C-alpha atoms as a PDB file:
ATOM      1  CA  MET A   1      -0.536  14.062 -21.716  1.00  0.00           C
ATOM      2  CA  PHE A   2       3.116  13.559 -22.152  1.00  0.00           C
ATOM      3  CA  ASP A   3       3.722  15.219 -18.929  1.00  0.00           C
ATOM      4  CA  VAL A   4       1.736  12.697 -17.049  1.00  0.00           C
ATOM      5  CA  PHE A   5       3.467   9.731 -18.733  1.00  0.00           C
ATOM      6  CA  VAL A   6       6.663  11.632 -17.613  1.00  0.00           C
ATOM      7  CA  PHE A   7       5.559  12.116 -14.150  1.00  0.00           C
ATOM      8  CA  SER A   8       4.432   8.284 -13.811  1.00  0.00           C
ATOM      9  CA  PHE A   9       7.786   7.147 -15.015  1.00  0.00           C
ATOM     10  CA  ASN A  10       9.633   9.467 -12.714  1.00  0.00           C
ATOM     11  CA  ALA A  11       7.444   8.138  -9.990  1.00  0.00           C
ATOM     12  CA  VAL A  12       7.803   4.447 -10.668  1.00  0.00           C
ATOM     13  CA  ALA A  13      11.588   4.331 -12.287  1.00  0.00           C
ATOM     14  CA  PRO A  14      13.336   4.978  -8.338  1.00  0.00           C
ATOM     15  CA  ILE A  15      11.377   1.969  -7.085  1.00  0.00           C
ATOM     16  CA  LEU A  16      12.737   0.104 -10.181  1.00  0.00           C
ATOM     17  CA  LEU A  17      16.426   1.360  -9.601  1.00  0.00           C
ATOM     18  CA  LEU A  18      16.447   0.294  -6.298  1.00  0.00           C
ATOM     19  CA  VAL A  19      15.172  -3.131  -6.961  1.00  0.00           C
ATOM     20  CA  LEU A  20      17.905  -3.386  -9.765  1.00  0.00           C
ATOM     21  CA  LEU A  21      20.503  -2.342  -7.149  1.00  0.00           C
ATOM     22  CA  GLY A  22      19.327  -5.237  -5.057  1.00  0.00           C
ATOM     23  CA  LEU A  23      19.458  -7.338  -8.015  1.00  0.00           C
ATOM     24  CA  ILE A  24      23.097  -6.086  -8.894  1.00  0.00           C
ATOM     25  CA  LEU A  25      24.167  -6.713  -5.149  1.00  0.00           C
ATOM     26  CA  LYS A  26      23.228 -10.326  -5.211  1.00  0.00           C
ATOM     27  CA  LYS A  27      24.906 -10.780  -8.478  1.00  0.00           C
ATOM     28  CA  ALA A  28      28.190  -9.320  -7.478  1.00  0.00           C
ATOM     29  CA  HIS A  29      28.074 -11.749  -4.152  1.00  0.00           C
ATOM     30  CA  PHE A  30      27.711  -8.585  -1.994  1.00  0.00           C
ATOM     31  CA  ALA A  31      25.785 -10.611   0.590  1.00  0.00           C
ATOM     32  CA  GLY A  32      24.260 -14.166   0.747  1.00  0.00           C
ATOM     33  CA  ASP A  33      20.737 -14.973   1.172  1.00  0.00           C
ATOM     34  CA  ASP A  34      20.872 -15.382   4.950  1.00  0.00           C
ATOM     35  CA  PHE A  35      21.667 -11.626   4.966  1.00  0.00           C
ATOM     36  CA  PHE A  36      18.927 -10.347   2.845  1.00  0.00           C
ATOM     37  CA  LYS A  37      16.366 -12.665   4.635  1.00  0.00           C
ATOM     38  CA  LYS A  38      17.447 -10.961   8.197  1.00  0.00           C
ATOM     39  CA  ALA A  39      17.399  -7.414   6.263  1.00  0.00           C
ATOM     40  CA  ASN A  40      13.552  -8.438   5.509  1.00  0.00           C
ATOM     41  CA  SER A  41      12.809  -9.078   8.806  1.00  0.00           C
ATOM     42  CA  LEU A  42      14.132  -6.082  10.106  1.00  0.00           C
ATOM     43  CA  VAL A  43      12.261  -4.005   7.684  1.00  0.00           C
ATOM     44  CA  PHE A  44       9.014  -5.967   8.804  1.00  0.00           C
ATOM     45  CA  LYS A  45       9.640  -5.837  12.516  1.00  0.00           C
ATOM     46  CA  VAL A  46      11.419  -2.551  12.918  1.00  0.00           C
ATOM     47  CA  PHE A  47      11.337   0.137   9.944  1.00  0.00           C
ATOM     48  CA  LEU A  48       7.678  -0.517   8.592  1.00  0.00           C
ATOM     49  CA  PRO A  49       6.261  -0.321  11.935  1.00  0.00           C
ATOM     50  CA  ILE A  50       8.136   3.060  12.733  1.00  0.00           C
ATOM     51  CA  MET A  51       6.815   4.414   9.316  1.00  0.00           C
ATOM     52  CA  LEU A  52       3.332   3.501   9.928  1.00  0.00           C
ATOM     53  CA  PHE A  53       3.341   4.806  13.280  1.00  0.00           C
ATOM     54  CA  CYS A  54       4.446   8.073  12.096  1.00  0.00           C
ATOM     55  CA  ASN A  55       1.999   8.261   9.208  1.00  0.00           C
ATOM     56  CA  VAL A  56      -0.927   7.747  11.318  1.00  0.00           C
ATOM     57  CA  TYR A  57       0.403  10.375  14.159  1.00  0.00           C
ATOM     58  CA  GLU A  58       0.884  13.058  11.458  1.00  0.00           C
ATOM     59  CA  ILE A  59      -2.867  13.087  10.987  1.00  0.00           C
ATOM     60  CA  GLU A  60      -4.350  16.529  12.341  1.00  0.00           C
ATOM     61  CA  SER A  61      -7.185  15.185  13.701  1.00  0.00           C
ATOM     62  CA  LEU A  62      -9.877  12.213  13.304  1.00  0.00           C
ATOM     63  CA  GLY A  63     -12.779  14.752  12.517  1.00  0.00           C
ATOM     64  CA  SER A  64     -10.589  16.300   9.586  1.00  0.00           C
ATOM     65  CA  VAL A  65     -11.218  12.817   7.727  1.00  0.00           C
ATOM     66  CA  ASN A  66     -13.878  13.026   4.932  1.00  0.00           C
ATOM     67  CA  TRP A  67     -15.686  10.142   5.975  1.00  0.00           C
ATOM     68  CA  ARG A  68     -17.965   9.776   3.271  1.00  0.00           C
ATOM     69  CA  ALA A  69     -15.239   8.937   0.629  1.00  0.00           C
ATOM     70  CA  ALA A  70     -13.392   7.160   3.195  1.00  0.00           C
ATOM     71  CA  VAL A  71     -16.603   4.897   3.612  1.00  0.00           C
ATOM     72  CA  TYR A  72     -16.661   4.447   0.078  1.00  0.00           C
ATOM     73  CA  SER A  73     -13.069   3.742  -0.166  1.00  0.00           C
ATOM     74  CA  VAL A  74     -13.467   0.941   2.467  1.00  0.00           C
ATOM     75  CA  PHE A  75     -16.170  -0.946   0.540  1.00  0.00           C
ATOM     76  CA  ALA A  76     -14.237  -0.625  -2.576  1.00  0.00           C
ATOM     77  CA  VAL A  77     -11.160  -2.321  -0.871  1.00  0.00           C
ATOM     78  CA  LEU A  78     -13.352  -4.929   0.546  1.00  0.00           C
ATOM     79  CA  LEU A  79     -14.883  -5.659  -2.701  1.00  0.00           C
ATOM     80  CA  PHE A  80     -11.567  -6.054  -4.452  1.00  0.00           C
ATOM     81  CA  CYS A  81     -10.536  -8.169  -1.724  1.00  0.00           C
ATOM     82  CA  ALA A  82     -13.413 -10.439  -2.114  1.00  0.00           C
ATOM     83  CA  LEU A  83     -12.815 -10.142  -6.027  1.00  0.00           C
ATOM     84  CA  GLY A  84      -9.415 -11.427  -5.376  1.00  0.00           C
ATOM     85  CA  PHE A  85     -10.632 -14.346  -3.400  1.00  0.00           C
ATOM     86  CA  LEU A  86     -13.045 -15.597  -5.888  1.00  0.00           C
ATOM     87  CA  CYS A  87     -10.383 -15.354  -8.801  1.00  0.00           C
ATOM     88  CA  CYS A  88      -7.854 -17.512  -6.475  1.00  0.00           C
ATOM     89  CA  ARG A  89     -10.956 -20.065  -5.973  1.00  0.00           C
ATOM     90  CA  LEU A  90     -11.460 -20.461  -9.702  1.00  0.00           C
ATOM     91  CA  PHE A  91      -7.828 -20.093 -11.263  1.00  0.00           C
ATOM     92  CA  VAL A  92      -5.344 -20.522  -8.360  1.00  0.00           C
ATOM     93  CA  LYS A  93      -4.441 -23.889  -7.252  1.00  0.00           C
ATOM     94  CA  LYS A  94      -1.502 -23.799  -4.813  1.00  0.00           C
ATOM     95  CA  GLN A  95      -2.335 -22.727  -1.188  1.00  0.00           C
ATOM     96  CA  GLU A  96       0.506 -20.394  -0.846  1.00  0.00           C
ATOM     97  CA  GLN A  97      -0.160 -18.533  -3.837  1.00  0.00           C
ATOM     98  CA  LYS A  98      -3.740 -17.688  -3.093  1.00  0.00           C
ATOM     99  CA  GLY A  99      -3.221 -15.068  -0.329  1.00  0.00           C
ATOM    100  CA  VAL A 100      -0.472 -13.279  -2.117  1.00  0.00           C
ATOM    101  CA  ILE A 101      -2.597 -12.931  -5.247  1.00  0.00           C
ATOM    102  CA  ILE A 102      -5.604 -11.677  -2.810  1.00  0.00           C
ATOM    103  CA  GLN A 103      -3.215  -9.041  -1.204  1.00  0.00           C
ATOM    104  CA  CYS A 104      -2.248  -7.807  -4.499  1.00  0.00           C
ATOM    105  CA  SER A 105      -6.090  -7.198  -5.666  1.00  0.00           C
ATOM    106  CA  PHE A 106      -6.650  -4.543  -2.964  1.00  0.00           C
ATOM    107  CA  ARG A 107      -3.193  -3.344  -1.592  1.00  0.00           C
ATOM    108  CA  SER A 108      -1.696  -0.732  -3.403  1.00  0.00           C
ATOM    109  CA  ASN A 109       1.473   1.721  -2.921  1.00  0.00           C
ATOM    110  CA  HIS A 110      -0.720   4.618  -1.924  1.00  0.00           C
ATOM    111  CA  ALA A 111       2.075   5.697   0.500  1.00  0.00           C
ATOM    112  CA  ILE A 112       4.948   5.850  -1.771  1.00  0.00           C
ATOM    113  CA  ILE A 113       3.810   6.244  -5.297  1.00  0.00           C
ATOM    114  CA  GLY A 114      -0.134   7.201  -4.512  1.00  0.00           C
ATOM    115  CA  ILE A 115       0.280  10.309  -2.543  1.00  0.00           C
ATOM    116  CA  PRO A 116       2.879  12.180  -4.551  1.00  0.00           C
ATOM    117  CA  LEU A 117       0.828  11.104  -7.624  1.00  0.00           C
ATOM    118  CA  ALA A 118      -2.371  12.756  -6.142  1.00  0.00           C
ATOM    119  CA  GLN A 119      -0.330  16.034  -5.259  1.00  0.00           C
ATOM    120  CA  SER A 120       0.887  16.034  -8.728  1.00  0.00           C
ATOM    121  CA  LEU A 121      -2.545  15.897 -10.401  1.00  0.00           C
ATOM    122  CA  GLY A 122      -4.766  17.899  -7.912  1.00  0.00           C
ATOM    123  CA  GLY A 123      -2.130  20.364  -5.928  1.00  0.00           C
ATOM    124  CA  ALA A 124      -2.219  20.960  -2.197  1.00  0.00           C
ATOM    125  CA  GLU A 125      -6.174  20.445  -1.610  1.00  0.00           C
ATOM    126  CA  ALA A 126      -5.753  16.678  -3.501  1.00  0.00           C
ATOM    127  CA  LEU A 127      -2.691  16.000  -1.267  1.00  0.00           C
ATOM    128  CA  SER A 128      -4.262  16.842   1.742  1.00  0.00           C
ATOM    129  CA  PHE A 129      -7.382  14.466   0.748  1.00  0.00           C
ATOM    130  CA  ALA A 130      -4.950  11.840  -0.047  1.00  0.00           C
ATOM    131  CA  CYS A 131      -3.006  11.914   2.982  1.00  0.00           C
ATOM    132  CA  LEU A 132      -6.270  11.933   5.181  1.00  0.00           C
ATOM    133  CA  LEU A 133      -7.509   8.998   3.046  1.00  0.00           C
ATOM    134  CA  SER A 134      -4.370   7.028   3.931  1.00  0.00           C
ATOM    135  CA  ALA A 135      -5.612   7.149   7.775  1.00  0.00           C
ATOM    136  CA  VAL A 136      -8.193   4.587   6.532  1.00  0.00           C
ATOM    137  CA  ALA A 137      -6.696   2.873   3.630  1.00  0.00           C
ATOM    138  CA  ILE A 138      -3.425   1.910   5.116  1.00  0.00           C
ATOM    139  CA  PRO A 139      -4.405   0.312   8.340  1.00  0.00           C
ATOM    140  CA  LEU A 140      -7.374  -1.656   6.246  1.00  0.00           C
ATOM    141  CA  PHE A 141      -4.587  -2.849   3.874  1.00  0.00           C
ATOM    142  CA  ASN A 142      -2.678  -4.224   6.402  1.00  0.00           C
ATOM    143  CA  VAL A 143      -5.402  -5.599   8.457  1.00  0.00           C
ATOM    144  CA  LEU A 144      -6.789  -7.670   5.385  1.00  0.00           C
ATOM    145  CA  ALA A 145      -3.398  -8.472   4.252  1.00  0.00           C
ATOM    146  CA  VAL A 146      -2.804 -10.321   7.566  1.00  0.00           C
ATOM    147  CA  LEU A 147      -5.875 -11.914   7.585  1.00  0.00           C
ATOM    148  CA  CYS A 148      -5.416 -13.237   3.832  1.00  0.00           C
ATOM    149  CA  LEU A 149      -1.986 -14.349   4.376  1.00  0.00           C
ATOM    150  CA  SER A 150      -2.406 -15.951   7.706  1.00  0.00           C
ATOM    151  CA  HIS A 151      -5.456 -18.115   6.270  1.00  0.00           C
ATOM    152  CA  TYR A 152      -3.280 -19.406   3.723  1.00  0.00           C
ATOM    153  CA  SER A 153      -0.050 -20.002   5.453  1.00  0.00           C
ATOM    154  CA  THR A 154      -0.203 -23.285   6.684  1.00  0.00           C
ATOM    155  CA  GLY A 155      -0.176 -25.089   3.395  1.00  0.00           C
ATOM    156  CA  ASP A 156      -3.398 -27.564   3.077  1.00  0.00           C
ATOM    157  CA  GLU A 157      -4.140 -27.557   6.789  1.00  0.00           C
ATOM    158  CA  ARG A 158      -7.058 -25.192   7.315  1.00  0.00           C
ATOM    159  CA  PRO A 159      -6.099 -22.938  10.365  1.00  0.00           C
ATOM    160  CA  HIS A 160      -8.542 -22.212  13.310  1.00  0.00           C
ATOM    161  CA  PHE A 161      -9.947 -18.688  13.291  1.00  0.00           C
ATOM    162  CA  SER A 162      -8.174 -18.071  16.508  1.00  0.00           C
ATOM    163  CA  ASP A 163      -5.070 -18.586  15.230  1.00  0.00           C
ATOM    164  CA  THR A 164      -5.570 -16.112  12.531  1.00  0.00           C
ATOM    165  CA  VAL A 165      -6.889 -13.705  14.990  1.00  0.00           C
ATOM    166  CA  LYS A 166      -3.852 -13.918  17.121  1.00  0.00           C
ATOM    167  CA  LYS A 167      -1.446 -13.580  14.068  1.00  0.00           C
ATOM    168  CA  THR A 168      -3.239 -10.444  13.281  1.00  0.00           C
ATOM    169  CA  VAL A 169      -3.082  -8.936  16.743  1.00  0.00           C
ATOM    170  CA  LYS A 170       0.442  -9.715  17.044  1.00  0.00           C
ATOM    171  CA  ASN A 171       1.434  -8.391  13.785  1.00  0.00           C
ATOM    172  CA  PRO A 172       4.213  -5.591  14.108  1.00  0.00           C
ATOM    173  CA  LEU A 173       2.289  -3.420  11.412  1.00  0.00           C
ATOM    174  CA  ILE A 174      -1.059  -3.569  13.200  1.00  0.00           C
ATOM    175  CA  ILE A 175       0.496  -3.015  16.449  1.00  0.00           C
ATOM    176  CA  ALA A 176       2.130   0.221  15.115  1.00  0.00           C
ATOM    177  CA  VAL A 177      -1.218   1.725  13.588  1.00  0.00           C
ATOM    178  CA  ALA A 178      -2.685   0.817  16.817  1.00  0.00           C
ATOM    179  CA  CYS A 179      -0.164   2.643  18.745  1.00  0.00           C
ATOM    180  CA  GLY A 180      -0.554   5.424  16.325  1.00  0.00           C
ATOM    181  CA  ALA A 181      -4.352   5.660  16.684  1.00  0.00           C
ATOM    182  CA  VAL A 182      -4.238   5.388  20.633  1.00  0.00           C
ATOM    183  CA  VAL A 183      -1.486   8.484  20.477  1.00  0.00           C
ATOM    184  CA  LEU A 184      -3.624  10.296  17.969  1.00  0.00           C
ATOM    185  CA  LEU A 185      -6.769   9.691  20.566  1.00  0.00           C
ATOM    186  CA  VAL A 186      -4.711  10.862  23.610  1.00  0.00           C
ATOM    187  CA  ARG A 187      -3.919  14.127  21.851  1.00  0.00           C
ATOM    188  CA  SER A 188      -7.032  15.135  20.849  1.00  0.00           C
ATOM    189  CA  PHE A 189      -7.814  15.166  24.716  1.00  0.00           C
ATOM    190  CA  LEU A 190      -4.795  17.396  25.710  1.00  0.00           C
ATOM    191  CA  PRO A 191      -5.116  21.009  26.548  1.00  0.00           C
ATOM    192  CA  LYS A 192      -5.120  23.201  23.252  1.00  0.00           C
ATOM    193  CA  GLY A 193      -3.107  26.369  22.669  1.00  0.00           C
ATOM    194  CA  ALA A 194      -4.382  29.671  21.051  1.00  0.00           C
ATOM    195  CA  ASP A 195      -3.990  28.139  17.757  1.00  0.00           C
ATOM    196  CA  SER A 196      -6.242  25.202  18.691  1.00  0.00           C
ATOM    197  CA  ALA A 197      -3.658  22.893  18.560  1.00  0.00           C
ATOM    198  CA  ALA A 198      -2.230  20.381  21.214  1.00  0.00           C
ATOM    199  CA  VAL A 199      -0.145  22.025  23.692  1.00  0.00           C
ATOM    200  CA  PHE A 200       2.373  18.919  24.248  1.00  0.00           C
ATOM    201  CA  THR A 201       3.226  16.573  20.992  1.00  0.00           C
ATOM    202  CA  ILE A 202       6.087  14.596  20.186  1.00  0.00           C
ATOM    203  CA  LYS A 203       6.858  16.596  17.141  1.00  0.00           C
ATOM    204  CA  ASN A 204       7.295  20.070  18.814  1.00  0.00           C
ATOM    205  CA  ASN A 205       7.935  19.085  22.219  1.00  0.00           C
ATOM    206  CA  LEU A 206      10.723  16.085  21.813  1.00  0.00           C
ATOM    207  CA  PRO A 207      11.975  16.854  18.647  1.00  0.00           C
ATOM    208  CA  PHE A 208      15.215  14.593  18.931  1.00  0.00           C
ATOM    209  CA  LEU A 209      12.751  11.743  19.352  1.00  0.00           C
ATOM    210  CA  TRP A 210      10.518  12.519  16.450  1.00  0.00           C
ATOM    211  CA  ASN A 211      13.332  13.282  14.247  1.00  0.00           C
ATOM    212  CA  ALA A 212      14.883   9.738  15.348  1.00  0.00           C
ATOM    213  CA  LEU A 213      11.565   7.779  14.480  1.00  0.00           C
ATOM    214  CA  SER A 214      11.060   9.705  11.148  1.00  0.00           C
ATOM    215  CA  SER A 215      14.453   8.898   9.727  1.00  0.00           C
ATOM    216  CA  ALA A 216      14.129   5.402  10.721  1.00  0.00           C
ATOM    217  CA  GLY A 217      10.829   5.419   8.930  1.00  0.00           C
ATOM    218  CA  LYS A 218      12.236   6.502   5.956  1.00  0.00           C
ATOM    219  CA  ILE A 219      14.699   3.509   5.756  1.00  0.00           C
ATOM    220  CA  ALA A 220      11.834   1.152   5.256  1.00  0.00           C
ATOM    221  CA  SER A 221      10.853   1.588   1.861  1.00  0.00           C
ATOM    222  CA  PRO A 222      14.642   1.742   0.090  1.00  0.00           C
ATOM    223  CA  LEU A 223      15.793  -1.036   2.198  1.00  0.00           C
ATOM    224  CA  ALA A 224      12.607  -3.331   1.179  1.00  0.00           C
ATOM    225  CA  LEU A 225      13.107  -2.477  -2.397  1.00  0.00           C
ATOM    226  CA  VAL A 226      16.728  -3.497  -2.279  1.00  0.00           C
ATOM    227  CA  VAL A 227      15.985  -6.582  -0.519  1.00  0.00           C
ATOM    228  CA  LEU A 228      13.219  -7.297  -3.136  1.00  0.00           C
ATOM    229  CA  GLY A 229      15.976  -6.993  -6.021  1.00  0.00           C
ATOM    230  CA  ALA A 230      17.979  -9.297  -4.222  1.00  0.00           C
ATOM    231  CA  ARG A 231      15.516 -11.993  -3.895  1.00  0.00           C
ATOM    232  CA  PHE A 232      14.081 -11.575  -7.565  1.00  0.00           C
ATOM    233  CA  ASP A 233      14.558 -14.396  -9.473  1.00  0.00           C
ATOM    234  CA  PHE A 234      14.015 -13.945 -13.456  1.00  0.00           C
ATOM    235  CA  ALA A 235      13.865 -17.825 -13.872  1.00  0.00           C
ATOM    236  CA  ALA A 236      10.654 -17.765 -11.649  1.00  0.00           C
ATOM    237  CA  VAL A 237       8.903 -15.409 -14.222  1.00  0.00           C
ATOM    238  CA  ARG A 238       7.927 -18.038 -16.907  1.00  0.00           C
ATOM    239  CA  GLU A 239       6.983 -20.563 -13.898  1.00  0.00           C
ATOM    240  CA  LEU A 240       4.589 -18.014 -12.392  1.00  0.00           C
ATOM    241  CA  ARG A 241       3.511 -16.051 -15.754  1.00  0.00           C
ATOM    242  CA  ARG A 242      -0.440 -17.002 -15.029  1.00  0.00           C
ATOM    243  CA  GLN A 243      -0.142 -15.864 -11.433  1.00  0.00           C
ATOM    244  CA  ILE A 244       1.555 -12.898 -12.415  1.00  0.00           C
ATOM    245  CA  SER A 245      -0.678 -12.238 -14.919  1.00  0.00           C
ATOM    246  CA  LEU A 246      -3.730 -12.319 -13.251  1.00  0.00           C
ATOM    247  CA  GLY A 247      -2.337 -10.014 -10.227  1.00  0.00           C
ATOM    248  CA  VAL A 248      -1.444  -7.447 -12.671  1.00  0.00           C
ATOM    249  CA  MET A 249      -4.723  -7.591 -14.157  1.00  0.00           C
ATOM    250  CA  LEU A 250      -6.331  -7.241 -10.793  1.00  0.00           C
ATOM    251  CA  ARG A 251      -4.097  -4.559  -9.543  1.00  0.00           C
ATOM    252  CA  ASN A 252      -3.608  -2.320 -12.804  1.00  0.00           C
ATOM    253  CA  ILE A 253      -6.816  -2.921 -14.704  1.00  0.00           C
ATOM    254  CA  VAL A 254      -9.608  -4.267 -12.682  1.00  0.00           C
ATOM    255  CA  SER A 255      -8.899  -1.962  -9.347  1.00  0.00           C
ATOM    256  CA  PRO A 256      -8.921   1.335 -11.141  1.00  0.00           C
ATOM    257  CA  ALA A 257     -11.458   0.636 -13.561  1.00  0.00           C
ATOM    258  CA  LEU A 258     -14.002  -0.560 -10.954  1.00  0.00           C
ATOM    259  CA  GLY A 259     -12.850   1.838  -7.768  1.00  0.00           C
ATOM    260  CA  ILE A 260     -13.068   5.101  -9.903  1.00  0.00           C
ATOM    261  CA  GLY A 261     -15.734   3.946 -12.202  1.00  0.00           C
ATOM    262  CA  PHE A 262     -18.025   3.463  -9.121  1.00  0.00           C
ATOM    263  CA  ALA A 263     -17.154   6.320  -7.496  1.00  0.00           C
ATOM    264  CA  LEU A 264     -18.083   8.528 -10.523  1.00  0.00           C
ATOM    265  CA  LEU A 265     -21.348   6.560 -11.012  1.00  0.00           C
ATOM    266  CA  LEU A 266     -22.355   7.136  -7.099  1.00  0.00           C
ATOM    267  CA  SER A 267     -21.721  10.851  -7.542  1.00  0.00           C
ATOM    268  CA  ASN A 268     -22.968  11.745 -10.742  1.00  0.00           C
ATOM    269  CA  LYS A 269     -25.931   9.384 -11.182  1.00  0.00           C
ATOM    270  CA  PHE A 270     -27.026   9.032  -7.286  1.00  0.00           C
ATOM    271  CA  SER A 271     -25.392  12.120  -5.579  1.00  0.00           C
ATOM    272  CA  LEU A 272     -24.263  10.220  -2.779  1.00  0.00           C
ATOM    273  CA  PHE A 273     -21.135  12.189  -2.538  1.00  0.00           C
ATOM    274  CA  PRO A 274     -19.176  14.777  -4.748  1.00  0.00           C
ATOM    275  CA  VAL A 275     -16.149  13.427  -6.533  1.00  0.00           C
ATOM    276  CA  THR A 276     -14.336  16.593  -7.891  1.00  0.00           C
ATOM    277  CA  GLY A 277     -10.822  17.550  -8.869  1.00  0.00           C
ATOM    278  CA  ASN A 278      -9.805  17.096  -5.220  1.00  0.00           C
ATOM    279  CA  GLU A 279     -10.962  13.630  -4.653  1.00  0.00           C
ATOM    280  CA  LEU A 280     -10.221  12.052  -7.868  1.00  0.00           C
ATOM    281  CA  PRO A 281      -6.097  12.199  -7.739  1.00  0.00           C
ATOM    282  CA  ALA A 282      -6.664  10.579  -4.331  1.00  0.00           C
ATOM    283  CA  PHE A 283      -8.908   7.492  -5.789  1.00  0.00           C
ATOM    284  CA  ILE A 284      -6.265   7.451  -8.458  1.00  0.00           C
ATOM    285  CA  SER A 285      -3.542   6.984  -5.896  1.00  0.00           C
ATOM    286  CA  VAL A 286      -5.572   4.206  -3.876  1.00  0.00           C
ATOM    287  CA  PHE A 287      -6.896   2.274  -6.767  1.00  0.00           C
ATOM    288  CA  GLY A 288      -4.388   2.886  -9.310  1.00  0.00           C
ATOM    289  CA  SER A 289      -0.928   2.482  -7.886  1.00  0.00           C
ATOM    290  CA  PRO A 290       0.956  -0.675  -7.796  1.00  0.00           C
ATOM    291  CA  ALA A 291       1.523  -3.502  -5.383  1.00  0.00           C
ATOM    292  CA  ALA A 292       2.843  -2.181  -2.228  1.00  0.00           C
ATOM    293  CA  VAL A 293       6.241  -2.615  -1.583  1.00  0.00           C
ATOM    294  CA  SER A 294       5.447  -3.940   2.133  1.00  0.00           C
ATOM    295  CA  SER A 295       3.436  -6.581   0.599  1.00  0.00           C
ATOM    296  CA  ALA A 296       6.358  -8.694  -0.453  1.00  0.00           C
ATOM    297  CA  VAL A 297       7.875  -8.038   2.973  1.00  0.00           C
ATOM    298  CA  MET A 298       4.905  -9.298   4.889  1.00  0.00           C
ATOM    299  CA  VAL A 299       4.579 -12.378   2.797  1.00  0.00           C
ATOM    300  CA  GLY A 300       8.233 -13.321   3.788  1.00  0.00           C
ATOM    301  CA  GLU A 301       7.396 -12.984   7.244  1.00  0.00           C
ATOM    302  CA  ILE A 302       4.216 -14.389   7.496  1.00  0.00           C
ATOM    303  CA  GLY A 303       4.326 -17.207   4.908  1.00  0.00           C
ATOM    304  CA  GLY A 304       3.364 -17.779   1.638  1.00  0.00           C
ATOM    305  CA  ASP A 305       5.101 -17.696  -1.878  1.00  0.00           C
ATOM    306  CA  ASP A 306       7.599 -14.745  -1.533  1.00  0.00           C
ATOM    307  CA  GLN A 307       8.898 -15.132  -5.053  1.00  0.00           C
ATOM    308  CA  LEU A 308       5.374 -14.560  -6.501  1.00  0.00           C
ATOM    309  CA  ALA A 309       4.847 -11.325  -4.348  1.00  0.00           C
ATOM    310  CA  THR A 310       8.222 -10.153  -5.465  1.00  0.00           C
ATOM    311  CA  GLN A 311       7.220 -10.609  -8.591  1.00  0.00           C
ATOM    312  CA  LEU A 312       3.974  -8.935  -8.574  1.00  0.00           C
ATOM    313  CA  VAL A 313       5.527  -5.881  -6.868  1.00  0.00           C
ATOM    314  CA  VAL A 314       8.102  -5.201 -10.064  1.00  0.00           C
ATOM    315  CA  TRP A 315       5.597  -6.350 -12.574  1.00  0.00           C
ATOM    316  CA  THR A 316       2.687  -3.966 -11.621  1.00  0.00           C
ATOM    317  CA  SER A 317       5.264  -1.252 -11.094  1.00  0.00           C
ATOM    318  CA  ILE A 318       5.975  -1.613 -14.617  1.00  0.00           C
ATOM    319  CA  VAL A 319       2.551  -1.837 -16.022  1.00  0.00           C
ATOM    320  CA  SER A 320       1.664   0.964 -13.689  1.00  0.00           C
ATOM    321  CA  LEU A 321       3.777   3.190 -16.116  1.00  0.00           C
ATOM    322  CA  PHE A 322       1.261   2.564 -18.881  1.00  0.00           C
ATOM    323  CA  SER A 323      -2.135   2.097 -16.856  1.00  0.00           C
ATOM    324  CA  VAL A 324      -1.980   5.268 -14.596  1.00  0.00           C
ATOM    325  CA  PHE A 325      -1.117   7.469 -18.072  1.00  0.00           C
ATOM    326  CA  LEU A 326      -4.162   5.737 -19.417  1.00  0.00           C
ATOM    327  CA  THR A 327      -6.165   6.182 -16.247  1.00  0.00           C
ATOM    328  CA  VAL A 328      -5.191  10.043 -16.085  1.00  0.00           C
ATOM    329  CA  PHE A 329      -5.955  10.342 -20.201  1.00  0.00           C
ATOM    330  CA  VAL A 330      -9.451   9.145 -19.956  1.00  0.00           C
ATOM    331  CA  LEU A 331     -10.200  11.317 -16.998  1.00  0.00           C
ATOM    332  CA  LYS A 332      -8.619  14.248 -18.554  1.00  0.00           C
ATOM    333  CA  SER A 333     -10.577  13.435 -21.965  1.00  0.00           C
ATOM    334  CA  ALA A 334     -13.608  13.544 -20.099  1.00  0.00           C
ATOM    335  CA  ALA A 335     -12.918  16.724 -18.470  1.00  0.00           C
ATOM    336  CA  LEU A 336     -13.039  15.077 -14.878  1.00  0.00           C
ATOM    337  CA  LEU A 337      -9.643  16.256 -13.957  1.00  0.00           C
END
């Protein structure tokens, strides 16, 4: 079990170190707030969309997705979104904080922390399943996040549904996922070679373009974390402690407990779909990893309490060192992993 804790630490520590780098740069007056705001916008409008496009494009085929597990994941994420909405109606008064906490309740860092975690826990087969699950989870995360943040981004004035739809359609992350899905669909109709692979692909036939896109996509997460650190404010912790506590509880405790617990219940008692050593690591990565780095970037662009969003990314990452360890320890003790 110590190995599990060490892995969790090694998975989360780089995130915290990059956040610390941003904080140091801010304290050293390396650049002003205007620079980091522009860097935040650059990540949201350029690098994150490229990263999402590449992630979707690398899916082998839509037919390779385990749709039963994918459908369960969709319902689970929607459940957490509804639960976050209910908690915000009951416990959060400020309009600009509601969308931020709702987003934290369902949007995990599946791409950066979750997928490597699944590989460590279940090997190559678990990694493959986790990557396929990301084809469903990541677009769903982004669509729900845009809807929640857009709905609460105008203060006390309730926006029209048409305005929310327009903001959703124009969101760079949604556009990137849609473009990736279109290209993936087109690729499925292209002539196939002897190995059943498409004759023409960007990755194989235009390697210079693919390498450029892949390199640009890799910039997204590190730069987003440095910007997070530069915008982090320790003084806000005391003022936001109740909201931070609520977000951490929903992300680090409620989500893994219900997401994994219901999956095991549906598998063992109702036999709706199998949950084995291949599926469980993927569920841990989707439901148990901390708040997504891009969630704070999106709040800064769409609207909302970006300081709270930053705090939630940092604190859910810290708490995940222990919550992931506890989740794996319980499953290992029950001989499920």
